[in-house]
């Protein structure tokens, strides 16, 4: 088991080094950092001093090693756009993104699991066929279209929810949350629903497929023969055997939601990491772009590694499948 864990952690480190190389190449190929940071009033001597201070006169290998060492400590340099520490900027935006992702994940589980069970036990009914058709539409629609439609219906026409922003937030130490204020909760609903729609569809279809498989198993047939109530068979016996792949997929998709929340955040002007990344692309803020790439990749790699190790603990046969 220890060898398996070391192997997975080693693979994760290699992946992160590859990501660091890509981020470093972004630095190298996007232009001269001194020219991007320099103002019109700076003299050539000031530019040379800035170049020396940034370590740009060192060899490429030395710069890459320094970049990896700094990134491992969480030091991604200074933002070209506003001159602030990049990690501080991301730390200010990360609570908004994580809050949005966690609420979207909760909505997808609360909606997707019951709908998946319903479409499995009532298959062939007109309303379950309608749900499956809607799920296909949900997968097909781009998230920005969903967001615009939600704004049009619930903000412009009905006026129930705000169309942009995060509302009033409360600071708890360095963490900020809108869940403790009415305007913060209201502002969270539409972007969370827009972000969760694709996830709801995936969970619905996965639960349906797993439920249909479990309902054909021998132990379910035996439970029916014993006269156990149907609701107990469905929700206590069959559903419990379907939740493992759902939990696994949900945990692994948290990284995807964090990465791809930038579209939803842009549509709703949600002040999260996605919006910060879009602004960095617009203003060619290379340190922020590189930091975003490294942090999102780390979340992906960490979650995948954790899932691999968890599976190996549950099923010892996987430890030899290296």
C-alpha atoms as a PDB file:
ATOM      1  CA  UNK A   1       0.000   0.000   0.000  1.00  0.00           C
ATOM      2  CA  UNK A   2       2.831   2.381   0.853  1.00  0.00           C
ATOM      3  CA  UNK A   3       4.433   1.716  -2.548  1.00  0.00           C
ATOM      4  CA  UNK A   4       1.112   2.461  -4.268  1.00  0.00           C
ATOM      5  CA  UNK A   5       0.699   5.760  -2.402  1.00  0.00           C
ATOM      6  CA  UNK A   6       4.293   6.814  -3.166  1.00  0.00           C
ATOM      7  CA  UNK A   7       3.742   5.912  -6.835  1.00  0.00           C
ATOM      8  CA  UNK A   8       0.578   8.015  -7.071  1.00  0.00           C
ATOM      9  CA  UNK A   9       2.178  10.978  -5.298  1.00  0.00           C
ATOM     10  CA  UNK A  10       5.187  10.688  -7.616  1.00  0.00           C
ATOM     11  CA  UNK A  11       2.881  10.756 -10.645  1.00  0.00           C
ATOM     12  CA  UNK A  12       1.134  13.812  -9.221  1.00  0.00           C
ATOM     13  CA  UNK A  13       4.462  15.602  -8.770  1.00  0.00           C
ATOM     14  CA  UNK A  14       5.459  14.823 -12.365  1.00  0.00           C
ATOM     15  CA  UNK A  15       2.155  16.200 -13.645  1.00  0.00           C
ATOM     16  CA  UNK A  16       2.591  19.376 -11.613  1.00  0.00           C
ATOM     17  CA  UNK A  17       6.134  19.814 -12.958  1.00  0.00           C
ATOM     18  CA  UNK A  18       4.741  19.537 -16.487  1.00  0.00           C
ATOM     19  CA  UNK A  19       2.112  22.165 -15.623  1.00  0.00           C
ATOM     20  CA  UNK A  20       4.837  24.372 -14.141  1.00  0.00           C
ATOM     21  CA  UNK A  21       6.779  24.052 -17.396  1.00  0.00           C
ATOM     22  CA  UNK A  22       3.716  25.190 -19.372  1.00  0.00           C
ATOM     23  CA  UNK A  23       3.156  28.112 -17.006  1.00  0.00           C
ATOM     24  CA  UNK A  24       6.827  29.058 -17.273  1.00  0.00           C
ATOM     25  CA  UNK A  25       6.631  28.968 -21.076  1.00  0.00           C
ATOM     26  CA  UNK A  26       3.667  31.342 -20.877  1.00  0.00           C
ATOM     27  CA  UNK A  27       5.985  33.747 -19.050  1.00  0.00           C
ATOM     28  CA  UNK A  28       8.689  33.320 -21.661  1.00  0.00           C
ATOM     29  CA  UNK A  29       6.558  33.514 -24.793  1.00  0.00           C
ATOM     30  CA  UNK A  30       4.017  36.176 -23.854  1.00  0.00           C
ATOM     31  CA  UNK A  31       6.481  39.027 -24.075  1.00  0.00           C
ATOM     32  CA  UNK A  32       9.125  40.847 -22.075  1.00  0.00           C
ATOM     33  CA  UNK A  33       7.849  41.270 -18.466  1.00  0.00           C
ATOM     34  CA  UNK A  34       9.850  44.468 -18.099  1.00  0.00           C
ATOM     35  CA  UNK A  35       8.086  46.036 -21.078  1.00  0.00           C
ATOM     36  CA  UNK A  36       4.723  44.945 -19.693  1.00  0.00           C
ATOM     37  CA  UNK A  37       5.430  46.399 -16.245  1.00  0.00           C
ATOM     38  CA  UNK A  38       7.373  49.502 -17.233  1.00  0.00           C
ATOM     39  CA  UNK A  39       5.736  52.895 -17.406  1.00  0.00           C
ATOM     40  CA  UNK A  40       6.533  55.619 -19.934  1.00  0.00           C
ATOM     41  CA  UNK A  41       8.444  57.608 -17.311  1.00  0.00           C
ATOM     42  CA  UNK A  42      10.945  54.810 -16.567  1.00  0.00           C
ATOM     43  CA  UNK A  43      14.478  55.339 -17.836  1.00  0.00           C
ATOM     44  CA  UNK A  44      16.635  52.627 -19.361  1.00  0.00           C
ATOM     45  CA  UNK A  45      18.546  52.355 -16.101  1.00  0.00           C
ATOM     46  CA  UNK A  46      15.288  51.770 -14.230  1.00  0.00           C
ATOM     47  CA  UNK A  47      14.377  49.076 -16.732  1.00  0.00           C
ATOM     48  CA  UNK A  48      17.753  47.384 -16.300  1.00  0.00           C
ATOM     49  CA  UNK A  49      17.378  47.454 -12.513  1.00  0.00           C
ATOM     50  CA  UNK A  50      13.884  45.963 -12.798  1.00  0.00           C
ATOM     51  CA  UNK A  51      15.187  43.232 -15.089  1.00  0.00           C
ATOM     52  CA  UNK A  52      17.928  42.400 -12.572  1.00  0.00           C
ATOM     53  CA  UNK A  53      15.459  42.414  -9.677  1.00  0.00           C
ATOM     54  CA  UNK A  54      13.162  39.999 -11.531  1.00  0.00           C
ATOM     55  CA  UNK A  55      16.089  37.681 -12.289  1.00  0.00           C
ATOM     56  CA  UNK A  56      15.585  37.889 -16.048  1.00  0.00           C
ATOM     57  CA  UNK A  57      19.332  38.088 -16.679  1.00  0.00           C
ATOM     58  CA  UNK A  58      19.801  34.538 -15.350  1.00  0.00           C
ATOM     59  CA  UNK A  59      19.795  31.459 -17.564  1.00  0.00           C
ATOM     60  CA  UNK A  60      16.516  29.814 -18.588  1.00  0.00           C
ATOM     61  CA  UNK A  61      17.192  26.735 -16.411  1.00  0.00           C
ATOM     62  CA  UNK A  62      17.889  28.925 -13.364  1.00  0.00           C
ATOM     63  CA  UNK A  63      14.709  30.907 -13.968  1.00  0.00           C
ATOM     64  CA  UNK A  64      12.645  27.708 -14.269  1.00  0.00           C
ATOM     65  CA  UNK A  65      14.048  26.229 -11.053  1.00  0.00           C
ATOM     66  CA  UNK A  66      13.373  29.509  -9.250  1.00  0.00           C
ATOM     67  CA  UNK A  67       9.837  29.629 -10.688  1.00  0.00           C
ATOM     68  CA  UNK A  68       9.075  26.084  -9.448  1.00  0.00           C
ATOM     69  CA  UNK A  69      10.561  26.795  -6.012  1.00  0.00           C
ATOM     70  CA  UNK A  70       8.576  30.034  -5.681  1.00  0.00           C
ATOM     71  CA  UNK A  71       5.352  28.363  -6.895  1.00  0.00           C
ATOM     72  CA  UNK A  72       5.805  25.573  -4.324  1.00  0.00           C
ATOM     73  CA  UNK A  73       5.850  28.294  -1.644  1.00  0.00           C
ATOM     74  CA  UNK A  74       2.827  30.005  -3.149  1.00  0.00           C
ATOM     75  CA  UNK A  75       4.846  32.919  -4.523  1.00  0.00           C
ATOM     76  CA  UNK A  76       3.700  33.739  -8.067  1.00  0.00           C
ATOM     77  CA  UNK A  77       5.105  37.234  -8.178  1.00  0.00           C
ATOM     78  CA  UNK A  78       3.387  40.583  -8.654  1.00  0.00           C
ATOM     79  CA  UNK A  79       0.402  41.278 -10.872  1.00  0.00           C
ATOM     80  CA  UNK A  80       1.329  43.372 -13.909  1.00  0.00           C
ATOM     81  CA  UNK A  81      -2.052  45.058 -13.870  1.00  0.00           C
ATOM     82  CA  UNK A  82      -2.327  46.426 -10.322  1.00  0.00           C
ATOM     83  CA  UNK A  83       1.050  45.712  -8.733  1.00  0.00           C
ATOM     84  CA  UNK A  84      -0.355  43.505  -5.940  1.00  0.00           C
ATOM     85  CA  UNK A  85       0.817  40.082  -4.826  1.00  0.00           C
ATOM     86  CA  UNK A  86      -0.795  37.451  -7.067  1.00  0.00           C
ATOM     87  CA  UNK A  87      -1.515  34.968  -4.271  1.00  0.00           C
ATOM     88  CA  UNK A  88      -3.243  37.704  -2.280  1.00  0.00           C
ATOM     89  CA  UNK A  89      -5.439  38.551  -5.287  1.00  0.00           C
ATOM     90  CA  UNK A  90      -6.399  34.899  -5.763  1.00  0.00           C
ATOM     91  CA  UNK A  91      -6.989  34.483  -2.024  1.00  0.00           C
ATOM     92  CA  UNK A  92      -9.471  37.364  -2.120  1.00  0.00           C
ATOM     93  CA  UNK A  93     -11.383  35.788  -5.031  1.00  0.00           C
ATOM     94  CA  UNK A  94     -11.154  32.105  -4.046  1.00  0.00           C
ATOM     95  CA  UNK A  95     -13.935  32.172  -1.372  1.00  0.00           C
ATOM     96  CA  UNK A  96     -16.468  33.441  -3.930  1.00  0.00           C
ATOM     97  CA  UNK A  97     -15.603  30.700  -6.431  1.00  0.00           C
ATOM     98  CA  UNK A  98     -15.537  27.912  -3.833  1.00  0.00           C
ATOM     99  CA  UNK A  99     -18.855  29.059  -2.368  1.00  0.00           C
ATOM    100  CA  UNK A 100     -20.430  29.064  -5.823  1.00  0.00           C
ATOM    101  CA  UNK A 101     -19.032  25.606  -6.665  1.00  0.00           C
ATOM    102  CA  UNK A 102     -20.098  24.014  -3.365  1.00  0.00           C
ATOM    103  CA  UNK A 103     -23.659  25.362  -3.621  1.00  0.00           C
ATOM    104  CA  UNK A 104     -23.864  24.228  -7.262  1.00  0.00           C
ATOM    105  CA  UNK A 105     -22.621  20.764  -6.244  1.00  0.00           C
ATOM    106  CA  UNK A 106     -25.217  20.573  -3.455  1.00  0.00           C
ATOM    107  CA  UNK A 107     -27.989  21.578  -5.872  1.00  0.00           C
ATOM    108  CA  UNK A 108     -26.856  18.963  -8.387  1.00  0.00           C
ATOM    109  CA  UNK A 109     -26.933  16.197  -5.764  1.00  0.00           C
ATOM    110  CA  UNK A 110     -30.275  17.239  -4.270  1.00  0.00           C
ATOM    111  CA  UNK A 111     -31.887  17.439  -7.710  1.00  0.00           C
ATOM    112  CA  UNK A 112     -29.974  14.815  -9.691  1.00  0.00           C
ATOM    113  CA  UNK A 113     -30.232  11.812  -7.347  1.00  0.00           C
ATOM    114  CA  UNK A 114     -34.054  11.863  -6.848  1.00  0.00           C
ATOM    115  CA  UNK A 115     -34.625  12.532 -10.553  1.00  0.00           C
ATOM    116  CA  UNK A 116     -32.313   9.654 -11.463  1.00  0.00           C
ATOM    117  CA  UNK A 117     -34.189   7.302  -9.137  1.00  0.00           C
ATOM    118  CA  UNK A 118     -37.530   8.488 -10.533  1.00  0.00           C
ATOM    119  CA  UNK A 119     -36.525   7.913 -14.160  1.00  0.00           C
ATOM    120  CA  UNK A 120     -35.275   4.431 -13.247  1.00  0.00           C
ATOM    121  CA  UNK A 121     -38.265   3.127 -11.283  1.00  0.00           C
ATOM    122  CA  UNK A 122     -40.862   4.820 -13.516  1.00  0.00           C
ATOM    123  CA  UNK A 123     -39.198   4.173 -16.851  1.00  0.00           C
ATOM    124  CA  UNK A 124     -41.515   4.304 -19.843  1.00  0.00           C
ATOM    125  CA  UNK A 125     -43.778   6.968 -18.304  1.00  0.00           C
ATOM    126  CA  UNK A 126     -44.288  10.142 -20.277  1.00  0.00           C
ATOM    127  CA  UNK A 127     -42.860  12.379 -17.555  1.00  0.00           C
ATOM    128  CA  UNK A 128     -39.671  10.315 -17.186  1.00  0.00           C
ATOM    129  CA  UNK A 129     -39.174  10.415 -20.950  1.00  0.00           C
ATOM    130  CA  UNK A 130     -39.683  14.174 -20.782  1.00  0.00           C
ATOM    131  CA  UNK A 131     -37.076  14.419 -18.010  1.00  0.00           C
ATOM    132  CA  UNK A 132     -34.569  12.494 -20.099  1.00  0.00           C
ATOM    133  CA  UNK A 133     -35.235  14.738 -23.086  1.00  0.00           C
ATOM    134  CA  UNK A 134     -34.741  17.801 -20.900  1.00  0.00           C
ATOM    135  CA  UNK A 135     -31.499  16.294 -19.578  1.00  0.00           C
ATOM    136  CA  UNK A 136     -30.197  15.964 -23.132  1.00  0.00           C
ATOM    137  CA  UNK A 137     -31.094  19.606 -23.752  1.00  0.00           C
ATOM    138  CA  UNK A 138     -29.330  20.504 -20.511  1.00  0.00           C
ATOM    139  CA  UNK A 139     -26.131  18.820 -21.680  1.00  0.00           C
ATOM    140  CA  UNK A 140     -26.344  20.456 -25.103  1.00  0.00           C
ATOM    141  CA  UNK A 141     -26.918  24.052 -24.026  1.00  0.00           C
ATOM    142  CA  UNK A 142     -23.755  26.097 -23.379  1.00  0.00           C
ATOM    143  CA  UNK A 143     -23.542  27.441 -19.833  1.00  0.00           C
ATOM    144  CA  UNK A 144     -23.477  31.073 -20.982  1.00  0.00           C
ATOM    145  CA  UNK A 145     -26.790  30.541 -22.818  1.00  0.00           C
ATOM    146  CA  UNK A 146     -28.310  29.024 -19.688  1.00  0.00           C
ATOM    147  CA  UNK A 147     -27.054  31.961 -17.638  1.00  0.00           C
ATOM    148  CA  UNK A 148     -28.472  34.539 -20.038  1.00  0.00           C
ATOM    149  CA  UNK A 149     -31.846  32.753 -20.099  1.00  0.00           C
ATOM    150  CA  UNK A 150     -31.974  32.639 -16.294  1.00  0.00           C
ATOM    151  CA  UNK A 151     -31.166  36.354 -16.097  1.00  0.00           C
ATOM    152  CA  UNK A 152     -33.817  37.159 -18.702  1.00  0.00           C
ATOM    153  CA  UNK A 153     -36.574  35.175 -16.978  1.00  0.00           C
ATOM    154  CA  UNK A 154     -35.861  35.528 -13.247  1.00  0.00           C
ATOM    155  CA  UNK A 155     -34.149  38.934 -13.159  1.00  0.00           C
ATOM    156  CA  UNK A 156     -35.507  40.980 -16.052  1.00  0.00           C
ATOM    157  CA  UNK A 157     -39.052  39.613 -16.454  1.00  0.00           C
ATOM    158  CA  UNK A 158     -39.924  38.367 -12.957  1.00  0.00           C
ATOM    159  CA  UNK A 159     -37.471  40.461 -10.942  1.00  0.00           C
ATOM    160  CA  UNK A 160     -36.980  37.766  -8.311  1.00  0.00           C
ATOM    161  CA  UNK A 161     -33.174  37.671  -8.158  1.00  0.00           C
ATOM    162  CA  UNK A 162     -30.324  40.095  -8.914  1.00  0.00           C
ATOM    163  CA  UNK A 163     -28.708  39.663 -12.313  1.00  0.00           C
ATOM    164  CA  UNK A 164     -25.090  40.295 -11.324  1.00  0.00           C
ATOM    165  CA  UNK A 165     -22.737  40.669  -8.392  1.00  0.00           C
ATOM    166  CA  UNK A 166     -22.350  38.801  -5.132  1.00  0.00           C
ATOM    167  CA  UNK A 167     -24.533  40.917  -2.887  1.00  0.00           C
ATOM    168  CA  UNK A 168     -23.522  41.884   0.635  1.00  0.00           C
ATOM    169  CA  UNK A 169     -20.768  39.708   2.116  1.00  0.00           C
ATOM    170  CA  UNK A 170     -19.528  39.081   5.647  1.00  0.00           C
ATOM    171  CA  UNK A 171     -15.832  38.819   6.501  1.00  0.00           C
ATOM    172  CA  UNK A 172     -14.864  35.952   8.811  1.00  0.00           C
ATOM    173  CA  UNK A 173     -11.135  36.457   9.182  1.00  0.00           C
ATOM    174  CA  UNK A 174      -9.670  36.305   5.671  1.00  0.00           C
ATOM    175  CA  UNK A 175     -12.727  34.397   4.392  1.00  0.00           C
ATOM    176  CA  UNK A 176     -15.691  36.227   2.858  1.00  0.00           C
ATOM    177  CA  UNK A 177     -19.160  34.723   2.493  1.00  0.00           C
ATOM    178  CA  UNK A 178     -22.505  35.873   1.183  1.00  0.00           C
ATOM    179  CA  UNK A 179     -24.438  32.990   2.750  1.00  0.00           C
ATOM    180  CA  UNK A 180     -25.013  34.971   5.943  1.00  0.00           C
ATOM    181  CA  UNK A 181     -26.845  37.879   4.279  1.00  0.00           C
ATOM    182  CA  UNK A 182     -30.187  37.918   2.404  1.00  0.00           C
ATOM    183  CA  UNK A 183     -28.753  39.770  -0.596  1.00  0.00           C
ATOM    184  CA  UNK A 184     -25.770  37.385  -0.730  1.00  0.00           C
ATOM    185  CA  UNK A 185     -28.035  34.310  -0.753  1.00  0.00           C
ATOM    186  CA  UNK A 186     -30.290  35.849  -3.392  1.00  0.00           C
ATOM    187  CA  UNK A 187     -27.332  36.725  -5.636  1.00  0.00           C
ATOM    188  CA  UNK A 188     -25.966  33.173  -5.338  1.00  0.00           C
ATOM    189  CA  UNK A 189     -29.057  31.335  -6.595  1.00  0.00           C
ATOM    190  CA  UNK A 190     -28.978  32.057 -10.338  1.00  0.00           C
ATOM    191  CA  UNK A 191     -25.241  31.470 -10.942  1.00  0.00           C
ATOM    192  CA  UNK A 192     -25.335  28.312  -8.798  1.00  0.00           C
ATOM    193  CA  UNK A 193     -28.287  26.930 -10.764  1.00  0.00           C
ATOM    194  CA  UNK A 194     -26.609  27.788 -14.073  1.00  0.00           C
ATOM    195  CA  UNK A 195     -23.391  26.080 -12.995  1.00  0.00           C
ATOM    196  CA  UNK A 196     -25.183  23.012 -11.614  1.00  0.00           C
ATOM    197  CA  UNK A 197     -27.375  22.246 -14.636  1.00  0.00           C
ATOM    198  CA  UNK A 198     -24.767  20.172 -16.476  1.00  0.00           C
ATOM    199  CA  UNK A 199     -23.851  18.371 -13.249  1.00  0.00           C
ATOM    200  CA  UNK A 200     -27.521  17.584 -12.562  1.00  0.00           C
ATOM    201  CA  UNK A 201     -27.778  15.966 -15.964  1.00  0.00           C
ATOM    202  CA  UNK A 202     -24.707  13.810 -15.406  1.00  0.00           C
ATOM    203  CA  UNK A 203     -25.863  12.647 -11.970  1.00  0.00           C
ATOM    204  CA  UNK A 204     -29.396  11.948 -13.240  1.00  0.00           C
ATOM    205  CA  UNK A 205     -28.173   9.733 -16.055  1.00  0.00           C
ATOM    206  CA  UNK A 206     -25.562   7.993 -13.895  1.00  0.00           C
ATOM    207  CA  UNK A 207     -28.022   7.225 -11.085  1.00  0.00           C
ATOM    208  CA  UNK A 208     -30.575   5.974 -13.607  1.00  0.00           C
ATOM    209  CA  UNK A 209     -28.081   3.622 -15.251  1.00  0.00           C
ATOM    210  CA  UNK A 210     -26.816   2.298 -11.904  1.00  0.00           C
ATOM    211  CA  UNK A 211     -30.341   1.886 -10.519  1.00  0.00           C
ATOM    212  CA  UNK A 212     -31.489  -0.092 -13.563  1.00  0.00           C
ATOM    213  CA  UNK A 213     -28.470  -2.370 -13.154  1.00  0.00           C
ATOM    214  CA  UNK A 214     -29.042  -2.878  -9.416  1.00  0.00           C
ATOM    215  CA  UNK A 215     -32.792  -3.485  -9.815  1.00  0.00           C
ATOM    216  CA  UNK A 216     -31.988  -6.447 -12.069  1.00  0.00           C
ATOM    217  CA  UNK A 217     -29.726  -8.038  -9.454  1.00  0.00           C
ATOM    218  CA  UNK A 218     -30.610 -11.161  -7.470  1.00  0.00           C
ATOM    219  CA  UNK A 219     -30.731  -9.551  -4.037  1.00  0.00           C
ATOM    220  CA  UNK A 220     -33.412  -7.086  -5.204  1.00  0.00           C
ATOM    221  CA  UNK A 221     -35.472  -9.943  -6.643  1.00  0.00           C
ATOM    222  CA  UNK A 222     -35.096 -11.782  -3.334  1.00  0.00           C
ATOM    223  CA  UNK A 223     -36.174  -8.665  -1.408  1.00  0.00           C
ATOM    224  CA  UNK A 224     -39.292  -8.375  -3.557  1.00  0.00           C
ATOM    225  CA  UNK A 225     -40.048 -12.067  -3.006  1.00  0.00           C
ATOM    226  CA  UNK A 226     -39.873 -11.519   0.753  1.00  0.00           C
ATOM    227  CA  UNK A 227     -42.517  -8.816   0.472  1.00  0.00           C
ATOM    228  CA  UNK A 228     -40.325  -5.878   1.470  1.00  0.00           C
ATOM    229  CA  UNK A 229     -42.049  -2.582   0.559  1.00  0.00           C
ATOM    230  CA  UNK A 230     -40.995  -1.118  -2.766  1.00  0.00           C
ATOM    231  CA  UNK A 231     -39.928   2.247  -1.354  1.00  0.00           C
ATOM    232  CA  UNK A 232     -37.581   0.453   1.049  1.00  0.00           C
ATOM    233  CA  UNK A 233     -36.084  -1.620  -1.778  1.00  0.00           C
ATOM    234  CA  UNK A 234     -35.572   1.455  -3.928  1.00  0.00           C
ATOM    235  CA  UNK A 235     -34.191   3.903  -1.380  1.00  0.00           C
ATOM    236  CA  UNK A 236     -32.588   1.736   1.292  1.00  0.00           C
ATOM    237  CA  UNK A 237     -31.158  -1.157  -0.697  1.00  0.00           C
ATOM    238  CA  UNK A 238     -30.834  -0.214  -4.374  1.00  0.00           C
ATOM    239  CA  UNK A 239     -29.910   3.462  -3.993  1.00  0.00           C
ATOM    240  CA  UNK A 240     -27.168   2.766  -1.452  1.00  0.00           C
ATOM    241  CA  UNK A 241     -25.441   0.533  -3.988  1.00  0.00           C
ATOM    242  CA  UNK A 242     -25.584   3.320  -6.597  1.00  0.00           C
ATOM    243  CA  UNK A 243     -24.054   6.134  -4.583  1.00  0.00           C
ATOM    244  CA  UNK A 244     -20.369   5.139  -4.785  1.00  0.00           C
ATOM    245  CA  UNK A 245     -19.852   6.138  -8.439  1.00  0.00           C
ATOM    246  CA  UNK A 246     -21.984   9.252  -7.870  1.00  0.00           C
ATOM    247  CA  UNK A 247     -19.827  10.398  -4.958  1.00  0.00           C
ATOM    248  CA  UNK A 248     -16.656   9.643  -6.929  1.00  0.00           C
ATOM    249  CA  UNK A 249     -17.819  11.552  -9.998  1.00  0.00           C
ATOM    250  CA  UNK A 250     -19.003  14.482  -7.881  1.00  0.00           C
ATOM    251  CA  UNK A 251     -15.685  14.733  -6.034  1.00  0.00           C
ATOM    252  CA  UNK A 252     -13.701  14.626  -9.261  1.00  0.00           C
ATOM    253  CA  UNK A 253     -15.989  17.173 -10.934  1.00  0.00           C
ATOM    254  CA  UNK A 254     -15.429  19.749  -8.186  1.00  0.00           C
ATOM    255  CA  UNK A 255     -12.127  20.594  -9.869  1.00  0.00           C
ATOM    256  CA  UNK A 256     -13.883  20.871 -13.226  1.00  0.00           C
ATOM    257  CA  UNK A 257     -16.506  23.198 -11.778  1.00  0.00           C
ATOM    258  CA  UNK A 258     -13.830  25.434 -10.261  1.00  0.00           C
ATOM    259  CA  UNK A 259     -11.957  25.527 -13.553  1.00  0.00           C
ATOM    260  CA  UNK A 260     -14.952  26.129 -15.802  1.00  0.00           C
ATOM    261  CA  UNK A 261     -16.880  28.437 -13.470  1.00  0.00           C
ATOM    262  CA  UNK A 262     -15.175  31.325 -15.267  1.00  0.00           C
ATOM    263  CA  UNK A 263     -17.920  31.368 -17.946  1.00  0.00           C
ATOM    264  CA  UNK A 264     -20.683  31.511 -15.342  1.00  0.00           C
ATOM    265  CA  UNK A 265     -18.768  34.109 -13.336  1.00  0.00           C
ATOM    266  CA  UNK A 266     -18.350  36.251 -16.443  1.00  0.00           C
ATOM    267  CA  UNK A 267     -22.056  36.105 -17.323  1.00  0.00           C
ATOM    268  CA  UNK A 268     -23.170  36.982 -13.786  1.00  0.00           C
ATOM    269  CA  UNK A 269     -20.190  39.270 -13.019  1.00  0.00           C
ATOM    270  CA  UNK A 270     -19.431  37.042 -10.049  1.00  0.00           C
ATOM    271  CA  UNK A 271     -16.214  38.300  -8.355  1.00  0.00           C
ATOM    272  CA  UNK A 272     -14.410  34.949  -8.265  1.00  0.00           C
ATOM    273  CA  UNK A 273     -11.229  33.424  -9.634  1.00  0.00           C
ATOM    274  CA  UNK A 274     -12.795  32.972 -13.071  1.00  0.00           C
ATOM    275  CA  UNK A 275     -13.462  36.682 -13.415  1.00  0.00           C
ATOM    276  CA  UNK A 276      -9.925  37.386 -12.247  1.00  0.00           C
ATOM    277  CA  UNK A 277      -8.563  35.062 -14.939  1.00  0.00           C
ATOM    278  CA  UNK A 278     -10.672  36.687 -17.679  1.00  0.00           C
ATOM    279  CA  UNK A 279      -9.404  40.106 -16.610  1.00  0.00           C
ATOM    280  CA  UNK A 280      -5.836  38.764 -16.606  1.00  0.00           C
ATOM    281  CA  UNK A 281      -6.249  37.511 -20.186  1.00  0.00           C
ATOM    282  CA  UNK A 282      -7.716  40.855 -21.249  1.00  0.00           C
ATOM    283  CA  UNK A 283      -4.811  42.849 -19.792  1.00  0.00           C
ATOM    284  CA  UNK A 284      -2.146  40.172 -20.483  1.00  0.00           C
ATOM    285  CA  UNK A 285      -1.468  39.809 -16.747  1.00  0.00           C
ATOM    286  CA  UNK A 286       0.891  36.816 -17.081  1.00  0.00           C
ATOM    287  CA  UNK A 287       1.588  36.110 -13.357  1.00  0.00           C
ATOM    288  CA  UNK A 288      -2.132  35.828 -12.612  1.00  0.00           C
ATOM    289  CA  UNK A 289      -2.677  33.558 -15.626  1.00  0.00           C
ATOM    290  CA  UNK A 290       0.210  31.290 -14.609  1.00  0.00           C
ATOM    291  CA  UNK A 291      -0.930  31.155 -10.985  1.00  0.00           C
ATOM    292  CA  UNK A 292      -4.486  30.296 -12.018  1.00  0.00           C
ATOM    293  CA  UNK A 293      -3.201  27.495 -14.249  1.00  0.00           C
ATOM    294  CA  UNK A 294      -1.027  26.042 -11.468  1.00  0.00           C
ATOM    295  CA  UNK A 295      -3.689  26.262  -8.757  1.00  0.00           C
ATOM    296  CA  UNK A 296      -6.458  24.720 -10.873  1.00  0.00           C
ATOM    297  CA  UNK A 297      -4.112  21.952 -11.993  1.00  0.00           C
ATOM    298  CA  UNK A 298      -3.132  21.278  -8.383  1.00  0.00           C
ATOM    299  CA  UNK A 299      -6.798  20.925  -7.406  1.00  0.00           C
ATOM    300  CA  UNK A 300      -7.387  18.475 -10.278  1.00  0.00           C
ATOM    301  CA  UNK A 301      -4.286  16.435  -9.462  1.00  0.00           C
ATOM    302  CA  UNK A 302      -4.938  16.390  -5.722  1.00  0.00           C
ATOM    303  CA  UNK A 303      -8.542  15.218  -6.141  1.00  0.00           C
ATOM    304  CA  UNK A 304      -7.598  12.518  -8.648  1.00  0.00           C
ATOM    305  CA  UNK A 305      -4.764  11.286  -6.440  1.00  0.00           C
ATOM    306  CA  UNK A 306      -7.066  11.211  -3.409  1.00  0.00           C
ATOM    307  CA  UNK A 307      -9.676   9.229  -5.352  1.00  0.00           C
ATOM    308  CA  UNK A 308      -7.027   6.730  -6.540  1.00  0.00           C
ATOM    309  CA  UNK A 309      -5.769   6.176  -3.002  1.00  0.00           C
ATOM    310  CA  UNK A 310      -9.330   5.847  -1.651  1.00  0.00           C
ATOM    311  CA  UNK A 311     -10.155   3.217  -4.272  1.00  0.00           C
ATOM    312  CA  UNK A 312      -6.987   1.314  -3.392  1.00  0.00           C
ATOM    313  CA  UNK A 313      -8.002   1.297   0.266  1.00  0.00           C
ATOM    314  CA  UNK A 314     -11.479  -0.006  -0.617  1.00  0.00           C
ATOM    315  CA  UNK A 315     -10.353  -2.554  -3.234  1.00  0.00           C
ATOM    316  CA  UNK A 316      -6.878  -4.045  -2.593  1.00  0.00           C
ATOM    317  CA  UNK A 317      -6.808  -5.515  -6.121  1.00  0.00           C
ATOM    318  CA  UNK A 318      -6.223  -2.025  -7.529  1.00  0.00           C
ATOM    319  CA  UNK A 319      -2.913  -1.710  -5.684  1.00  0.00           C
ATOM    320  CA  UNK A 320      -1.313  -4.146  -8.138  1.00  0.00           C
ATOM    321  CA  UNK A 321      -2.858  -2.440 -11.221  1.00  0.00           C
ATOM    322  CA  UNK A 322      -0.125   0.144 -11.552  1.00  0.00           C
END
